[in-house]
N, C-alpha and C. Protein backbone atom coordinates (compact mmCIF):
# COMPACT_ATOMS: atom_id res chain seq x y z
N MET A 1 86.02 101.77 117.53
CA MET A 1 85.49 100.41 117.37
C MET A 1 84.26 100.40 116.48
N THR A 2 83.42 101.41 116.62
CA THR A 2 82.21 101.49 115.80
C THR A 2 82.56 101.60 114.32
N ILE A 3 83.61 102.38 114.01
CA ILE A 3 84.03 102.56 112.63
C ILE A 3 84.43 101.24 112.02
N LYS A 4 85.17 100.43 112.78
CA LYS A 4 85.63 99.14 112.29
C LYS A 4 84.45 98.22 111.98
N VAL A 5 83.49 98.16 112.87
CA VAL A 5 82.32 97.31 112.65
C VAL A 5 81.57 97.75 111.41
N ASN A 6 81.36 99.06 111.25
CA ASN A 6 80.66 99.57 110.09
C ASN A 6 81.39 99.23 108.81
N ARG A 7 82.70 99.32 108.83
CA ARG A 7 83.50 98.99 107.65
C ARG A 7 83.36 97.51 107.31
N GLU A 8 83.38 96.65 108.31
CA GLU A 8 83.21 95.22 108.07
C GLU A 8 81.84 94.94 107.48
N ASN A 9 80.81 95.58 108.01
CA ASN A 9 79.46 95.39 107.48
C ASN A 9 79.39 95.83 106.02
N MET A 10 80.03 96.97 105.73
CA MET A 10 80.04 97.50 104.37
C MET A 10 80.70 96.50 103.41
N GLN A 11 81.83 95.95 103.81
CA GLN A 11 82.55 95.02 102.96
C GLN A 11 81.73 93.76 102.70
N HIS A 12 81.06 93.26 103.73
CA HIS A 12 80.25 92.07 103.56
C HIS A 12 79.01 92.36 102.70
N THR A 13 78.46 93.54 102.81
CA THR A 13 77.32 93.92 101.97
C THR A 13 77.71 93.90 100.50
N ILE A 14 78.88 94.44 100.20
CA ILE A 14 79.36 94.45 98.82
C ILE A 14 79.62 93.03 98.34
N ALA A 15 80.31 92.23 99.16
CA ALA A 15 80.65 90.87 98.77
C ALA A 15 79.40 90.04 98.50
N LYS A 16 78.39 90.18 99.34
CA LYS A 16 77.16 89.42 99.17
C LYS A 16 76.47 89.78 97.86
N ARG A 17 76.49 91.06 97.52
CA ARG A 17 75.85 91.49 96.26
C ARG A 17 76.63 90.97 95.05
N VAL A 18 77.95 90.98 95.12
CA VAL A 18 78.75 90.47 94.01
C VAL A 18 78.45 88.99 93.78
N ALA A 19 78.32 88.23 94.86
CA ALA A 19 78.08 86.78 94.74
C ALA A 19 76.81 86.48 93.96
N GLN A 20 75.85 87.38 94.00
CA GLN A 20 74.59 87.18 93.28
C GLN A 20 74.78 87.20 91.76
N GLU A 21 75.89 87.75 91.29
CA GLU A 21 76.15 87.84 89.85
C GLU A 21 76.81 86.57 89.31
N LEU A 22 77.21 85.67 90.18
CA LEU A 22 77.97 84.50 89.74
C LEU A 22 77.07 83.29 89.52
N GLU A 23 77.15 82.74 88.32
CA GLU A 23 76.37 81.55 87.96
C GLU A 23 77.33 80.50 87.42
N GLY A 24 77.23 79.30 87.95
CA GLY A 24 78.11 78.24 87.50
C GLY A 24 77.60 77.54 86.25
N PRO A 25 78.44 76.71 85.63
CA PRO A 25 79.81 76.47 86.07
C PRO A 25 80.72 77.61 85.64
N CYS A 26 81.62 78.02 86.53
CA CYS A 26 82.57 79.06 86.16
C CYS A 26 83.78 79.02 87.08
N VAL A 27 84.89 79.53 86.56
CA VAL A 27 86.13 79.67 87.32
C VAL A 27 86.26 81.13 87.71
N VAL A 28 86.44 81.39 88.99
CA VAL A 28 86.44 82.75 89.52
C VAL A 28 87.72 83.00 90.30
N ASN A 29 88.39 84.09 89.99
CA ASN A 29 89.57 84.50 90.75
C ASN A 29 89.17 85.63 91.70
N LEU A 30 89.49 85.47 92.97
CA LEU A 30 89.16 86.47 93.98
C LEU A 30 90.41 87.26 94.35
N GLY A 31 90.35 88.57 94.19
CA GLY A 31 91.47 89.42 94.57
C GLY A 31 91.54 89.61 96.08
N ILE A 32 92.45 90.47 96.49
CA ILE A 32 92.70 90.73 97.91
C ILE A 32 91.68 91.74 98.44
N GLY A 33 91.29 91.59 99.71
CA GLY A 33 90.36 92.52 100.34
C GLY A 33 88.92 92.06 100.24
N ILE A 34 88.03 92.95 99.84
CA ILE A 34 86.61 92.63 99.73
C ILE A 34 86.36 91.37 98.90
N PRO A 35 87.06 91.18 97.77
CA PRO A 35 86.78 89.98 96.96
C PRO A 35 86.89 88.66 97.72
N THR A 36 87.81 88.56 98.68
CA THR A 36 87.95 87.29 99.40
C THR A 36 86.69 86.93 100.17
N LEU A 37 85.88 87.94 100.53
CA LEU A 37 84.65 87.69 101.29
C LEU A 37 83.54 87.09 100.43
N VAL A 38 83.66 87.23 99.11
CA VAL A 38 82.64 86.71 98.21
C VAL A 38 82.44 85.21 98.41
N ALA A 39 83.52 84.51 98.75
CA ALA A 39 83.45 83.05 98.93
C ALA A 39 82.43 82.65 99.99
N GLU A 40 82.17 83.52 100.95
CA GLU A 40 81.23 83.20 102.02
C GLU A 40 79.77 83.20 101.56
N TYR A 41 79.51 83.77 100.37
CA TYR A 41 78.12 83.96 99.95
C TYR A 41 77.78 83.24 98.65
N LEU A 42 78.65 82.36 98.19
CA LEU A 42 78.38 81.63 96.95
C LEU A 42 77.25 80.63 97.16
N ALA A 43 76.27 80.65 96.25
CA ALA A 43 75.11 79.77 96.38
C ALA A 43 75.26 78.51 95.54
N ALA A 44 75.96 78.59 94.42
CA ALA A 44 76.08 77.44 93.52
C ALA A 44 77.27 76.58 93.90
N ASP A 45 77.15 75.26 93.64
CA ASP A 45 78.23 74.32 93.97
C ASP A 45 79.30 74.28 92.87
N ASN A 46 78.97 74.70 91.67
CA ASN A 46 79.90 74.56 90.55
C ASN A 46 80.60 75.87 90.21
N ILE A 47 80.96 76.62 91.24
CA ILE A 47 81.82 77.79 91.09
C ILE A 47 83.17 77.43 91.68
N TYR A 48 84.20 77.47 90.85
CA TYR A 48 85.52 76.99 91.23
C TYR A 48 86.45 78.19 91.42
N LEU A 49 86.94 78.34 92.64
CA LEU A 49 87.76 79.50 92.98
C LEU A 49 89.23 79.23 92.65
N HIS A 50 89.84 80.20 92.01
CA HIS A 50 91.20 80.10 91.50
C HIS A 50 92.08 81.15 92.18
N THR A 51 93.31 80.78 92.50
CA THR A 51 94.28 81.75 93.01
C THR A 51 95.54 81.65 92.17
N GLU A 52 96.11 82.81 91.82
CA GLU A 52 97.19 82.81 90.84
C GLU A 52 98.49 82.20 91.34
N ASN A 53 98.58 81.93 92.64
CA ASN A 53 99.80 81.25 93.11
C ASN A 53 99.70 79.73 92.96
N GLY A 54 98.58 79.21 92.40
CA GLY A 54 98.60 77.82 91.98
C GLY A 54 97.60 76.85 92.58
N LEU A 55 96.34 77.25 92.76
CA LEU A 55 95.32 76.34 93.27
C LEU A 55 93.98 76.65 92.62
N LEU A 56 93.35 75.62 92.11
CA LEU A 56 91.98 75.71 91.61
C LEU A 56 91.12 74.81 92.49
N GLY A 57 90.17 75.44 93.19
CA GLY A 57 89.37 74.70 94.17
C GLY A 57 89.62 75.23 95.57
N VAL A 58 89.77 76.56 95.66
CA VAL A 58 89.99 77.21 96.95
C VAL A 58 88.70 77.17 97.75
N THR A 59 88.82 76.93 99.05
CA THR A 59 87.66 76.98 99.93
C THR A 59 88.09 77.54 101.29
N ASP A 60 87.12 77.78 102.16
CA ASP A 60 87.42 78.29 103.50
C ASP A 60 88.11 77.21 104.33
N VAL A 61 88.76 77.63 105.40
CA VAL A 61 89.44 76.69 106.29
C VAL A 61 89.21 77.12 107.73
N GLU A 62 88.94 76.15 108.59
CA GLU A 62 88.79 76.43 110.02
C GLU A 62 90.16 76.70 110.64
N ASP A 63 90.15 77.50 111.70
CA ASP A 63 91.42 77.86 112.35
C ASP A 63 92.23 76.63 112.75
N ALA A 64 91.54 75.61 113.23
CA ALA A 64 92.24 74.41 113.70
C ALA A 64 92.89 73.63 112.57
N ASP A 65 92.44 73.89 111.32
CA ASP A 65 92.93 73.12 110.18
C ASP A 65 93.88 73.90 109.29
N VAL A 66 94.28 75.08 109.72
CA VAL A 66 95.14 75.93 108.89
C VAL A 66 96.49 75.26 108.62
N ASP A 67 96.86 75.22 107.35
CA ASP A 67 98.18 74.76 106.93
C ASP A 67 98.96 75.99 106.50
N PRO A 68 100.05 76.34 107.20
CA PRO A 68 100.78 77.56 106.88
C PRO A 68 101.36 77.57 105.47
N ASN A 69 101.44 76.42 104.84
CA ASN A 69 101.96 76.34 103.48
C ASN A 69 100.86 76.47 102.42
N LEU A 70 99.60 76.52 102.87
CA LEU A 70 98.48 76.59 101.94
C LEU A 70 97.81 77.96 102.08
N VAL A 71 98.16 78.86 101.17
CA VAL A 71 97.66 80.24 101.23
C VAL A 71 97.23 80.68 99.83
N ASN A 72 96.47 81.78 99.80
CA ASN A 72 96.11 82.35 98.51
C ASN A 72 97.15 83.39 98.10
N ALA A 73 96.89 84.12 97.02
CA ALA A 73 97.86 85.08 96.51
C ALA A 73 98.11 86.23 97.49
N GLY A 74 97.15 86.46 98.40
CA GLY A 74 97.31 87.49 99.41
C GLY A 74 97.92 86.98 100.69
N LYS A 75 98.42 85.73 100.65
CA LYS A 75 99.07 85.07 101.78
C LYS A 75 98.11 84.79 102.94
N LEU A 76 96.82 84.70 102.65
CA LEU A 76 95.83 84.34 103.66
C LEU A 76 95.59 82.84 103.61
N PRO A 77 95.40 82.18 104.78
CA PRO A 77 95.17 80.73 104.79
C PRO A 77 93.90 80.36 104.03
N VAL A 78 93.97 79.28 103.27
CA VAL A 78 92.81 78.79 102.54
C VAL A 78 92.72 77.27 102.70
N GLY A 79 91.57 76.73 102.35
CA GLY A 79 91.39 75.29 102.32
C GLY A 79 91.32 74.80 100.89
N GLU A 80 91.23 73.49 100.72
CA GLU A 80 91.15 72.90 99.39
C GLU A 80 89.85 72.11 99.29
N ALA A 81 89.08 72.41 98.26
CA ALA A 81 87.82 71.70 98.04
C ALA A 81 88.11 70.30 97.50
N ILE A 82 87.12 69.42 97.60
CA ILE A 82 87.26 68.08 97.03
C ILE A 82 87.49 68.22 95.52
N GLY A 83 88.52 67.55 95.03
CA GLY A 83 88.85 67.62 93.61
C GLY A 83 89.74 68.79 93.25
N ALA A 84 90.24 69.54 94.23
CA ALA A 84 91.11 70.68 93.96
C ALA A 84 92.38 70.24 93.23
N ALA A 85 92.92 71.17 92.44
CA ALA A 85 94.13 70.89 91.67
C ALA A 85 95.21 71.92 92.00
N TYR A 86 96.45 71.44 92.14
CA TYR A 86 97.61 72.30 92.36
C TYR A 86 98.42 72.41 91.08
N PHE A 87 99.08 73.54 90.87
CA PHE A 87 99.96 73.72 89.73
C PHE A 87 100.89 74.88 90.05
N ASN A 88 101.96 75.02 89.27
CA ASN A 88 102.89 76.10 89.58
C ASN A 88 102.36 77.44 89.10
N SER A 89 102.99 78.50 89.56
CA SER A 89 102.49 79.84 89.29
C SER A 89 102.48 80.16 87.80
N SER A 90 103.47 79.67 87.06
CA SER A 90 103.51 79.96 85.62
C SER A 90 102.33 79.33 84.91
N ASP A 91 101.94 78.12 85.32
CA ASP A 91 100.75 77.49 84.74
C ASP A 91 99.49 78.26 85.10
N SER A 92 99.45 78.76 86.33
CA SER A 92 98.30 79.53 86.78
C SER A 92 98.13 80.79 85.94
N PHE A 93 99.24 81.48 85.67
CA PHE A 93 99.17 82.69 84.86
C PHE A 93 98.86 82.35 83.41
N ALA A 94 99.28 81.17 82.95
CA ALA A 94 98.91 80.73 81.60
C ALA A 94 97.40 80.54 81.50
N MET A 95 96.78 80.02 82.57
CA MET A 95 95.33 79.89 82.60
C MET A 95 94.67 81.26 82.47
N ILE A 96 95.20 82.23 83.21
CA ILE A 96 94.63 83.58 83.18
C ILE A 96 94.80 84.20 81.80
N ARG A 97 96.02 84.18 81.29
CA ARG A 97 96.31 84.84 80.02
C ARG A 97 95.66 84.12 78.85
N GLY A 98 95.38 82.83 79.03
CA GLY A 98 94.74 82.06 77.97
C GLY A 98 93.23 82.16 77.95
N GLY A 99 92.65 82.96 78.84
CA GLY A 99 91.21 83.17 78.84
C GLY A 99 90.41 82.09 79.53
N HIS A 100 91.04 81.37 80.48
CA HIS A 100 90.35 80.26 81.15
C HIS A 100 89.75 80.65 82.50
N VAL A 101 89.87 81.92 82.88
CA VAL A 101 89.19 82.43 84.08
C VAL A 101 87.95 83.18 83.62
N ASP A 102 86.81 82.75 84.10
CA ASP A 102 85.55 83.35 83.65
C ASP A 102 85.31 84.73 84.26
N VAL A 103 85.57 84.85 85.56
CA VAL A 103 85.32 86.13 86.25
C VAL A 103 86.48 86.42 87.19
N ALA A 104 87.00 87.63 87.13
CA ALA A 104 87.98 88.11 88.10
C ALA A 104 87.30 89.19 88.95
N ILE A 105 87.41 89.07 90.26
CA ILE A 105 86.83 90.06 91.17
C ILE A 105 87.98 90.75 91.87
N LEU A 106 88.13 92.05 91.63
CA LEU A 106 89.28 92.80 92.12
C LEU A 106 88.85 93.91 93.06
N GLY A 107 89.70 94.23 94.00
CA GLY A 107 89.54 95.44 94.78
C GLY A 107 90.04 96.62 93.95
N ALA A 108 89.62 97.83 94.30
CA ALA A 108 90.05 99.00 93.53
C ALA A 108 90.26 100.19 94.45
N LEU A 109 91.23 101.01 94.08
CA LEU A 109 91.46 102.27 94.77
C LEU A 109 90.67 103.39 94.10
N GLN A 110 90.61 103.33 92.77
CA GLN A 110 89.83 104.29 91.99
C GLN A 110 89.30 103.58 90.73
N VAL A 111 88.16 104.07 90.25
CA VAL A 111 87.65 103.66 88.94
C VAL A 111 87.21 104.93 88.23
N ASP A 112 87.64 105.09 86.96
CA ASP A 112 87.22 106.31 86.26
C ASP A 112 85.91 106.08 85.51
N GLU A 113 85.40 107.14 84.88
CA GLU A 113 84.07 107.07 84.29
C GLU A 113 84.03 106.22 83.02
N ASN A 114 85.20 105.73 82.57
CA ASN A 114 85.24 104.80 81.45
C ASN A 114 85.45 103.36 81.92
N GLY A 115 85.53 103.15 83.23
CA GLY A 115 85.72 101.82 83.76
C GLY A 115 87.17 101.39 83.91
N ILE A 116 88.10 102.30 83.73
CA ILE A 116 89.52 102.00 83.94
C ILE A 116 89.81 102.04 85.44
N ILE A 117 90.53 101.03 85.95
CA ILE A 117 90.76 100.99 87.39
C ILE A 117 92.23 101.20 87.75
N ALA A 118 92.42 101.70 88.94
CA ALA A 118 93.74 101.79 89.59
C ALA A 118 93.61 101.00 90.88
N ASN A 119 94.43 99.97 91.04
CA ASN A 119 94.24 99.15 92.24
C ASN A 119 95.53 98.60 92.82
N TRP A 120 96.68 99.11 92.38
CA TRP A 120 97.90 98.46 92.84
C TRP A 120 98.94 99.40 93.46
N ALA A 121 98.83 100.70 93.27
CA ALA A 121 99.88 101.59 93.78
C ALA A 121 99.30 102.92 94.21
N VAL A 122 99.83 103.42 95.32
CA VAL A 122 99.52 104.76 95.81
C VAL A 122 100.79 105.58 95.72
N PRO A 123 100.78 106.70 95.01
CA PRO A 123 102.00 107.51 94.89
C PRO A 123 102.61 107.84 96.26
N GLY A 124 103.92 107.65 96.37
CA GLY A 124 104.62 107.94 97.61
C GLY A 124 104.76 106.77 98.54
N LYS A 125 104.11 105.64 98.21
CA LYS A 125 104.22 104.44 99.05
C LYS A 125 104.95 103.35 98.28
N ASN A 126 105.78 102.59 99.01
CA ASN A 126 106.55 101.53 98.38
C ASN A 126 105.66 100.31 98.13
N ILE A 127 105.55 99.93 96.87
CA ILE A 127 104.75 98.77 96.46
C ILE A 127 105.65 97.82 95.68
N MET A 128 105.54 96.52 95.95
CA MET A 128 106.43 95.57 95.31
C MET A 128 106.12 95.38 93.82
N GLY A 129 104.89 95.54 93.42
CA GLY A 129 104.55 95.36 92.01
C GLY A 129 103.06 95.19 91.82
N VAL A 130 102.65 95.09 90.57
CA VAL A 130 101.23 95.05 90.24
C VAL A 130 100.60 93.70 90.55
N GLY A 131 101.40 92.65 90.72
CA GLY A 131 100.86 91.34 91.01
C GLY A 131 100.08 90.78 89.83
N GLY A 132 99.02 90.03 90.10
CA GLY A 132 98.26 89.40 89.03
C GLY A 132 97.13 90.23 88.47
N ALA A 133 96.89 91.42 89.03
CA ALA A 133 95.73 92.21 88.62
C ALA A 133 95.79 92.59 87.14
N MET A 134 96.97 92.97 86.66
CA MET A 134 97.10 93.36 85.26
C MET A 134 96.77 92.19 84.34
N ASP A 135 97.28 91.00 84.67
CA ASP A 135 97.00 89.82 83.85
C ASP A 135 95.52 89.47 83.88
N LEU A 136 94.89 89.58 85.04
CA LEU A 136 93.47 89.26 85.15
C LEU A 136 92.62 90.23 84.34
N LEU A 137 92.99 91.49 84.33
CA LEU A 137 92.24 92.46 83.54
C LEU A 137 92.35 92.18 82.05
N VAL A 138 93.49 91.66 81.63
CA VAL A 138 93.69 91.34 80.22
C VAL A 138 93.04 90.01 79.85
N GLY A 139 93.17 89.00 80.75
CA GLY A 139 92.80 87.64 80.38
C GLY A 139 91.44 87.14 80.80
N ALA A 140 90.88 87.68 81.90
CA ALA A 140 89.59 87.16 82.39
C ALA A 140 88.46 87.58 81.45
N LYS A 141 87.46 86.72 81.33
CA LYS A 141 86.34 87.01 80.44
C LYS A 141 85.51 88.19 80.95
N LYS A 142 85.30 88.24 82.28
CA LYS A 142 84.61 89.37 82.90
C LYS A 142 85.42 89.83 84.11
N VAL A 143 85.36 91.13 84.40
CA VAL A 143 86.06 91.67 85.55
C VAL A 143 85.10 92.54 86.35
N PHE A 144 84.98 92.24 87.65
CA PHE A 144 84.18 93.04 88.57
C PHE A 144 85.12 93.80 89.50
N ALA A 145 84.83 95.06 89.76
CA ALA A 145 85.60 95.87 90.71
C ALA A 145 84.77 96.09 91.96
N THR A 146 85.40 95.96 93.13
CA THR A 146 84.73 96.18 94.41
C THR A 146 85.50 97.22 95.20
N MET A 147 84.77 98.12 95.87
CA MET A 147 85.45 99.14 96.67
C MET A 147 84.42 99.94 97.47
N SER A 148 84.90 100.64 98.48
CA SER A 148 84.04 101.61 99.15
C SER A 148 83.81 102.78 98.18
N HIS A 149 82.68 103.43 98.29
CA HIS A 149 82.33 104.47 97.33
C HIS A 149 83.21 105.71 97.50
N THR A 150 83.62 105.96 98.74
CA THR A 150 84.47 107.12 99.01
C THR A 150 85.68 106.70 99.83
N SER A 151 86.71 107.54 99.83
CA SER A 151 87.90 107.30 100.65
C SER A 151 87.62 107.69 102.09
N LYS A 152 88.58 107.45 102.96
CA LYS A 152 88.40 107.78 104.38
C LYS A 152 88.15 109.26 104.61
N ASP A 153 88.67 110.11 103.71
CA ASP A 153 88.45 111.55 103.88
C ASP A 153 87.24 112.05 103.10
N GLY A 154 86.43 111.11 102.59
CA GLY A 154 85.17 111.48 101.96
C GLY A 154 85.23 111.77 100.48
N ARG A 155 86.40 111.61 99.86
CA ARG A 155 86.51 111.87 98.42
C ARG A 155 85.99 110.69 97.61
N SER A 156 85.35 111.01 96.51
CA SER A 156 84.81 109.96 95.65
C SER A 156 85.93 109.10 95.07
N LYS A 157 85.69 107.79 95.03
CA LYS A 157 86.64 106.88 94.39
C LYS A 157 86.19 106.52 92.97
N LEU A 158 85.00 106.97 92.61
CA LEU A 158 84.55 106.92 91.21
C LEU A 158 84.84 108.30 90.63
N VAL A 159 85.89 108.38 89.84
CA VAL A 159 86.46 109.67 89.43
C VAL A 159 86.36 109.88 87.92
N LYS A 160 86.53 111.12 87.51
CA LYS A 160 86.55 111.42 86.08
C LYS A 160 87.77 110.78 85.42
N GLU A 161 88.90 110.86 86.10
CA GLU A 161 90.13 110.26 85.58
C GLU A 161 90.98 109.82 86.76
N CYS A 162 91.55 108.61 86.68
CA CYS A 162 92.35 108.09 87.79
C CYS A 162 93.58 108.95 88.02
N THR A 163 93.85 109.27 89.28
CA THR A 163 95.07 109.98 89.64
C THR A 163 96.14 109.02 90.15
N TYR A 164 95.75 107.79 90.47
CA TYR A 164 96.71 106.75 90.83
C TYR A 164 97.12 106.00 89.56
N PRO A 165 98.24 105.30 89.58
CA PRO A 165 98.67 104.53 88.41
C PRO A 165 97.62 103.49 88.03
N ILE A 166 97.21 103.47 86.76
CA ILE A 166 96.18 102.53 86.34
C ILE A 166 96.77 101.12 86.23
N THR A 167 95.89 100.14 86.28
CA THR A 167 96.31 98.74 86.27
C THR A 167 96.33 98.18 84.85
N SER A 168 95.40 98.62 84.01
CA SER A 168 95.32 98.14 82.63
C SER A 168 94.46 99.13 81.85
N THR A 169 94.57 99.09 80.54
CA THR A 169 93.72 99.94 79.71
C THR A 169 92.37 99.29 79.41
N ARG A 170 92.17 98.07 79.89
CA ARG A 170 90.88 97.42 79.73
C ARG A 170 89.90 97.90 80.80
N SER A 171 88.69 98.18 80.41
CA SER A 171 87.65 98.57 81.36
C SER A 171 87.11 97.35 82.09
N VAL A 172 86.69 97.55 83.32
CA VAL A 172 85.99 96.49 84.04
C VAL A 172 84.56 96.41 83.51
N ASP A 173 83.87 95.34 83.85
CA ASP A 173 82.50 95.16 83.38
C ASP A 173 81.46 95.69 84.35
N MET A 174 81.73 95.53 85.66
CA MET A 174 80.80 96.01 86.67
C MET A 174 81.58 96.56 87.86
N ILE A 175 80.94 97.47 88.60
CA ILE A 175 81.54 98.07 89.79
C ILE A 175 80.52 97.97 90.92
N PHE A 176 80.98 97.52 92.07
CA PHE A 176 80.11 97.34 93.23
C PHE A 176 80.66 98.17 94.39
N THR A 177 79.82 99.03 94.95
CA THR A 177 80.16 99.76 96.17
C THR A 177 79.04 99.55 97.18
N GLU A 178 79.20 100.12 98.36
CA GLU A 178 78.14 100.00 99.37
C GLU A 178 76.92 100.86 99.04
N LEU A 179 77.07 101.74 98.03
CA LEU A 179 75.96 102.61 97.65
C LEU A 179 75.23 102.15 96.39
N ALA A 180 75.96 101.56 95.45
CA ALA A 180 75.34 101.30 94.15
C ALA A 180 76.10 100.25 93.35
N VAL A 181 75.44 99.80 92.30
CA VAL A 181 76.05 98.89 91.31
C VAL A 181 76.04 99.60 89.97
N PHE A 182 77.18 99.56 89.30
CA PHE A 182 77.32 100.19 87.99
C PHE A 182 77.76 99.16 86.96
N LYS A 183 77.39 99.40 85.70
CA LYS A 183 77.92 98.65 84.58
C LYS A 183 78.64 99.60 83.64
N ILE A 184 79.56 99.06 82.87
CA ILE A 184 80.21 99.84 81.84
C ILE A 184 79.65 99.39 80.50
N GLU A 185 79.03 100.31 79.80
CA GLU A 185 78.48 100.05 78.47
C GLU A 185 79.08 101.06 77.50
N ASP A 186 79.81 100.54 76.50
CA ASP A 186 80.45 101.42 75.51
C ASP A 186 81.31 102.48 76.18
N LYS A 187 82.14 102.01 77.12
CA LYS A 187 83.08 102.90 77.83
C LYS A 187 82.36 103.99 78.63
N GLN A 188 81.13 103.73 79.03
CA GLN A 188 80.36 104.72 79.77
C GLN A 188 79.79 104.09 81.04
N LEU A 189 79.83 104.85 82.11
CA LEU A 189 79.39 104.37 83.42
C LEU A 189 77.87 104.50 83.53
N GLU A 190 77.22 103.39 83.87
CA GLU A 190 75.76 103.39 83.99
C GLU A 190 75.35 102.85 85.35
N LEU A 191 74.57 103.62 86.08
CA LEU A 191 74.02 103.18 87.36
C LEU A 191 72.88 102.21 87.09
N VAL A 192 72.97 100.99 87.63
CA VAL A 192 71.93 99.99 87.38
C VAL A 192 71.18 99.58 88.64
N GLU A 193 71.73 99.90 89.81
CA GLU A 193 71.06 99.46 91.04
C GLU A 193 71.53 100.30 92.22
N LEU A 194 70.60 100.68 93.06
CA LEU A 194 70.92 101.31 94.34
C LEU A 194 70.93 100.24 95.41
N MET A 195 71.87 100.31 96.32
CA MET A 195 71.89 99.37 97.42
C MET A 195 70.77 99.73 98.40
N PRO A 196 70.31 98.77 99.21
CA PRO A 196 69.18 99.02 100.11
C PRO A 196 69.40 100.24 101.00
N GLY A 197 68.38 101.10 101.05
CA GLY A 197 68.42 102.28 101.91
C GLY A 197 69.16 103.46 101.33
N VAL A 198 69.68 103.34 100.12
CA VAL A 198 70.46 104.42 99.50
C VAL A 198 69.58 105.18 98.51
N THR A 199 69.73 106.49 98.47
CA THR A 199 68.97 107.32 97.55
C THR A 199 69.84 107.74 96.37
N ILE A 200 69.19 108.07 95.27
CA ILE A 200 69.92 108.53 94.09
C ILE A 200 70.64 109.84 94.39
N GLU A 201 70.05 110.66 95.25
CA GLU A 201 70.68 111.93 95.61
C GLU A 201 72.03 111.70 96.31
N GLU A 202 72.08 110.67 97.17
CA GLU A 202 73.33 110.37 97.86
C GLU A 202 74.40 109.91 96.88
N VAL A 203 74.02 109.09 95.92
CA VAL A 203 74.98 108.63 94.93
C VAL A 203 75.49 109.79 94.09
N ARG A 204 74.61 110.66 93.66
CA ARG A 204 75.03 111.82 92.88
C ARG A 204 76.02 112.68 93.67
N GLU A 205 75.70 112.89 94.94
CA GLU A 205 76.53 113.75 95.79
C GLU A 205 77.94 113.17 95.98
N LYS A 206 78.05 111.84 96.05
CA LYS A 206 79.31 111.21 96.39
C LYS A 206 80.06 110.62 95.19
N THR A 207 79.61 110.95 93.98
CA THR A 207 80.24 110.42 92.78
C THR A 207 80.78 111.55 91.93
N GLU A 208 82.10 111.58 91.76
CA GLU A 208 82.72 112.59 90.91
C GLU A 208 82.52 112.29 89.43
N ALA A 209 82.59 111.02 89.07
CA ALA A 209 82.48 110.61 87.67
C ALA A 209 81.08 110.90 87.12
N ASP A 210 81.03 111.20 85.84
CA ASP A 210 79.74 111.33 85.18
C ASP A 210 79.17 109.93 84.94
N PHE A 211 77.89 109.76 85.12
CA PHE A 211 77.28 108.46 84.88
C PHE A 211 75.85 108.62 84.37
N ILE A 212 75.41 107.60 83.65
CA ILE A 212 74.04 107.55 83.16
C ILE A 212 73.18 106.89 84.24
N GLU A 213 72.01 107.42 84.46
CA GLU A 213 71.10 106.82 85.42
C GLU A 213 70.18 105.87 84.69
N GLY A 214 70.37 104.57 84.92
CA GLY A 214 69.53 103.57 84.29
C GLY A 214 68.23 103.39 85.06
N GLN A 215 67.90 102.16 85.36
CA GLN A 215 66.67 101.86 86.08
C GLN A 215 66.99 101.15 87.39
N PRO A 216 67.60 101.86 88.36
CA PRO A 216 67.94 101.21 89.65
C PRO A 216 66.70 100.85 90.43
């Protein structure tokens, strides 16, 4: 039980930090997992949440108001903000591919030292497909990756080279973990911030990828 609580705290810590990077007006697509929690910490009113299955204006929903037909791309119940718009999935992907999503926030299994992410398949496990992540990496103006810094067995998820199937050849712009915040500059990983209570020694110890130490 303690492990579960700690994991939930970690995910919310990451989501809260990501929300601080968002300034409106902007259209933001939230991926599955940690990204969905970002909605709880948005401070600006003019941030419009987008889901690739066809809704612009996603918001939270109380249990009593859940509509089983109204879900996000991860099949989780969502609400509709005032002024929300519905459209079919092909139009939604046209928005993504046409560059009309300002920020995509994705979960990640691995990120390499050039900012290339793997977030859709684990070798040996049956996966239906890459979903919208590949399109978001190509079409969104900025892409943020969120993940725990290490796997359950303690291995770094910031790696020299991804061993899982990559999602796109485009690098993400920023990476957020419970230990640190990184940016990608000229295909190079740069540490820009330590999370509260974290030391640079801990980040070095738990990071396989080479990175530049900025001014955290």
